[in-house]
Amino acid sequence: MDIDEIISVLSDSNLLEKNKIDLVYTNLHKYCLQPDHILDCYRALKRLKSELTELSKDADHDRKKIVAKALTMVKTEIKIIEYQIDNPNLMVRNEMSKLNKMHWTASTSGLVEIIYLMRNCVDNGNVEVKEIADWFEYIFQVKLDNIYKIIEQISNRKKNKTKFLDEEKLNLLKFLEDFSLRKSDSYKK
């Protein structure tokens, strides 16, 4: 990965915002999946994070938005690598490619319910809801245009404000019940 190349992509006024983010994501993804140079990748990402932070200081509003999205991607990759460095026995680098094949298939409002549910569970609540949303967008390949508008719609629901969470709670309880039955059946044999 060439850091200067990513910076130039973000600065290119001929590219649409979506194309810039797609190019940054593609380059980061390709680079970070190479298993043989995790420490080089970590150093490069830390440098890129610093460069992007500097770039956003003097940027106009549109460029700041793009740089903020790129920074979120970089921070996510850094966290993944830090986790991998701290837990080499738990994660095989090549397994990371499976993450990029997962897509959110439930409702967007359901995902927003989860994001708000998690807001106090991530970094002791010292993280912006938008950062959690960006992370979910990245992991699950989904676009959340305006989470604040969606949460407003959820709060205006007349019948059940936590519809998705309630449904998934029932699904979890059913799974646990089935699991307990399978477990007790296996002991009877």
Protein backbone atom coordinates (compact mmCIF):
# COMPACT_ATOMS: atom_id res chain seq x y z
CA MET A 1 0.00 0.00 0.00
CA ASP A 2 1.30 3.37 -0.92
CA ILE A 3 0.16 5.93 1.64
CA ASP A 4 0.81 8.81 -0.74
CA GLU A 5 -1.42 7.06 -3.30
CA ILE A 6 -4.31 6.89 -0.82
CA ILE A 7 -3.83 10.55 0.13
CA SER A 8 -3.86 11.52 -3.55
CA VAL A 9 -7.06 9.51 -4.13
CA LEU A 10 -8.74 11.39 -1.29
CA SER A 11 -7.53 14.70 -2.69
CA ASP A 12 -8.56 13.96 -6.30
CA SER A 13 -11.38 16.37 -7.18
CA ASN A 14 -12.26 14.37 -10.32
CA LEU A 15 -13.44 11.35 -8.31
CA LEU A 16 -16.86 11.03 -6.72
CA GLU A 17 -16.96 10.56 -2.93
CA LYS A 18 -18.17 6.96 -3.25
CA ASN A 19 -15.37 6.13 -5.71
CA LYS A 20 -12.78 7.59 -3.35
CA ILE A 21 -14.03 5.55 -0.41
CA ASP A 22 -14.27 2.40 -2.56
CA LEU A 23 -10.67 2.85 -3.75
CA VAL A 24 -9.40 3.44 -0.21
CA TYR A 25 -11.33 0.42 1.06
CA THR A 26 -10.06 -1.80 -1.77
CA ASN A 27 -6.44 -0.78 -1.20
CA LEU A 28 -6.67 -1.18 2.58
CA HIS A 29 -8.43 -4.51 2.29
CA LYS A 30 -5.93 -5.91 -0.20
CA TYR A 31 -2.97 -4.72 1.83
CA CYS A 32 -4.24 -5.84 5.24
CA LEU A 33 -5.07 -9.36 4.08
CA GLN A 34 -1.46 -10.18 3.26
CA PRO A 35 -0.51 -12.49 6.15
CA ASP A 36 3.26 -12.16 6.02
CA HIS A 37 3.73 -8.56 7.00
CA ILE A 38 1.36 -7.72 9.83
CA LEU A 39 3.83 -5.41 11.59
CA ASP A 40 4.63 -3.52 8.38
CA CYS A 41 0.90 -3.14 7.81
CA TYR A 42 0.44 -1.88 11.37
CA ARG A 43 3.18 0.74 10.91
CA ALA A 44 1.76 1.85 7.56
CA LEU A 45 -1.74 2.18 8.97
CA LYS A 46 -0.51 4.21 11.93
CA ARG A 47 1.31 6.52 9.53
CA LEU A 48 -1.76 6.74 7.30
CA LYS A 49 -3.93 7.58 10.31
CA SER A 50 -1.55 10.42 11.19
CA GLU A 51 -1.49 11.68 7.58
CA LEU A 52 -5.27 11.59 7.34
CA THR A 53 -5.62 13.46 10.63
CA GLU A 54 -3.33 16.19 9.28
CA LEU A 55 -5.16 16.25 5.95
CA SER A 56 -8.50 16.83 7.65
CA LYS A 57 -7.24 19.87 9.60
CA ASP A 58 -7.09 22.12 6.54
CA ALA A 59 -9.80 20.41 4.50
CA ASP A 60 -13.13 21.84 3.43
CA HIS A 61 -16.38 20.26 4.66
CA ASP A 62 -16.74 17.72 1.82
CA ARG A 63 -13.16 16.52 2.07
CA LYS A 64 -13.43 16.28 5.87
CA LYS A 65 -16.37 13.88 5.45
CA ILE A 66 -14.39 11.68 3.07
CA VAL A 67 -11.28 11.77 5.26
CA ALA A 68 -13.41 10.90 8.31
CA LYS A 69 -14.74 7.79 6.54
CA ALA A 70 -11.23 6.80 5.50
CA LEU A 71 -10.03 7.33 9.07
CA THR A 72 -12.78 5.06 10.36
CA MET A 73 -11.66 2.33 7.96
CA VAL A 74 -8.04 2.77 9.01
CA LYS A 75 -8.94 2.70 12.71
CA THR A 76 -10.92 -0.49 12.20
CA GLU A 77 -8.00 -2.17 10.43
CA ILE A 78 -5.65 -1.02 13.21
CA LYS A 79 -7.96 -2.52 15.85
CA ILE A 80 -8.13 -5.80 13.93
CA ILE A 81 -4.34 -5.95 13.70
CA GLU A 82 -3.90 -5.03 17.37
CA TYR A 83 -6.30 -7.81 18.29
CA GLN A 84 -4.40 -10.21 16.09
CA ILE A 85 -1.05 -9.20 17.59
CA ASP A 86 -2.43 -9.59 21.12
CA ASN A 87 -4.14 -12.91 20.32
CA PRO A 88 -2.14 -14.70 17.62
CA ASN A 89 -3.49 -18.08 18.69
CA LEU A 90 -7.13 -17.03 18.24
CA MET A 91 -7.13 -15.64 14.74
CA VAL A 92 -5.61 -16.77 11.50
CA ARG A 93 -4.93 -13.87 9.15
CA ASN A 94 -6.49 -15.53 6.13
CA GLU A 95 -9.73 -15.93 8.07
CA MET A 96 -10.16 -12.14 7.96
CA SER A 97 -11.21 -12.36 4.33
CA LYS A 98 -14.40 -14.08 5.52
CA LEU A 99 -15.42 -10.87 7.30
CA ASN A 100 -15.73 -9.07 4.00
CA LYS A 101 -18.19 -11.65 2.72
CA MET A 102 -20.72 -10.95 5.46
CA HIS A 103 -23.61 -8.66 4.62
CA TRP A 104 -26.35 -7.27 6.84
CA THR A 105 -29.60 -8.80 5.63
CA ALA A 106 -32.05 -7.71 8.33
CA SER A 107 -33.72 -4.30 8.45
CA THR A 108 -31.72 -1.10 8.61
CA SER A 109 -33.75 0.01 11.61
CA GLY A 110 -32.82 -3.26 13.31
CA LEU A 111 -29.15 -2.48 12.84
CA VAL A 112 -29.67 1.00 14.26
CA GLU A 113 -31.38 -0.53 17.31
CA ILE A 114 -28.27 -2.66 17.85
CA ILE A 115 -25.95 0.32 17.37
CA TYR A 116 -27.76 2.34 20.01
CA LEU A 117 -27.91 -0.70 22.28
CA MET A 118 -24.11 -1.00 22.04
CA ARG A 119 -23.23 2.66 22.49
CA ASN A 120 -22.42 2.27 26.19
CA CYS A 121 -20.75 -1.13 25.69
CA VAL A 122 -17.99 0.06 23.34
CA ASP A 123 -14.95 1.76 24.89
CA ASN A 124 -16.92 2.38 28.10
CA GLY A 125 -19.34 4.64 26.23
CA ASN A 126 -16.54 6.98 25.12
CA VAL A 127 -17.31 6.59 21.44
CA GLU A 128 -19.67 8.45 19.15
CA VAL A 129 -22.69 6.56 17.84
CA LYS A 130 -21.60 7.55 14.32
CA GLU A 131 -18.26 5.76 14.83
CA ILE A 132 -20.07 2.55 15.81
CA ALA A 133 -22.33 2.99 12.77
CA ASP A 134 -19.30 3.44 10.50
CA TRP A 135 -17.79 0.27 11.92
CA PHE A 136 -20.99 -1.69 11.21
CA GLU A 137 -21.14 -0.23 7.69
CA TYR A 138 -17.61 -1.45 7.09
CA ILE A 139 -18.02 -4.91 8.61
CA PHE A 140 -21.43 -5.72 7.12
CA GLN A 141 -21.14 -3.90 3.79
CA VAL A 142 -24.23 -1.78 4.47
CA LYS A 143 -24.91 1.92 4.05
CA LEU A 144 -26.58 3.82 6.88
CA ASP A 145 -27.33 7.21 5.40
CA ASN A 146 -28.66 9.01 8.45
CA ILE A 147 -28.77 6.99 11.66
CA TYR A 148 -30.14 9.95 13.59
CA LYS A 149 -33.16 10.12 11.27
CA ILE A 150 -33.68 6.35 11.64
CA ILE A 151 -33.49 6.55 15.45
CA GLU A 152 -36.04 9.37 15.31
CA GLN A 153 -38.37 7.12 13.29
CA ILE A 154 -37.83 4.31 15.79
CA SER A 155 -38.64 6.60 18.72
CA ASN A 156 -41.85 7.71 16.95
CA ARG A 157 -43.15 4.15 16.68
CA LYS A 158 -46.53 3.82 18.34
CA LYS A 159 -46.60 0.09 19.00
CA ASN A 160 -43.13 -1.32 19.76
CA LYS A 161 -40.07 0.90 19.91
CA THR A 162 -37.66 -2.07 20.21
CA LYS A 163 -39.28 -4.34 17.65
CA PHE A 164 -36.07 -5.85 16.25
CA LEU A 165 -34.43 -6.38 19.64
CA ASP A 166 -37.58 -8.04 20.99
CA GLU A 167 -37.80 -10.39 17.99
CA GLU A 168 -34.14 -11.31 18.26
CA LYS A 169 -34.46 -11.86 22.01
CA LEU A 170 -37.19 -14.43 21.28
CA ASN A 171 -34.96 -16.04 18.63
CA LEU A 172 -32.09 -16.25 21.14
CA LEU A 173 -34.31 -17.78 23.81
CA LYS A 174 -35.57 -20.38 21.31
CA PHE A 175 -32.00 -21.16 20.26
CA LEU A 176 -30.91 -21.57 23.89
CA GLU A 177 -33.86 -23.82 24.61
CA ASP A 178 -33.06 -25.98 21.57
CA PHE A 179 -29.40 -26.01 22.55
CA SER A 180 -30.24 -27.19 26.07
CA LEU A 181 -32.42 -29.96 24.68
CA ARG A 182 -29.69 -31.13 22.29
CA LYS A 183 -27.13 -31.00 25.08
CA SER A 184 -29.30 -33.03 27.48
CA ASP A 185 -30.09 -35.53 24.70
CA SER A 186 -26.40 -36.07 24.07
CA TYR A 187 -25.84 -36.89 27.75
CA LYS A 188 -28.65 -39.45 27.73
CA LYS A 189 -26.90 -41.56 25.09
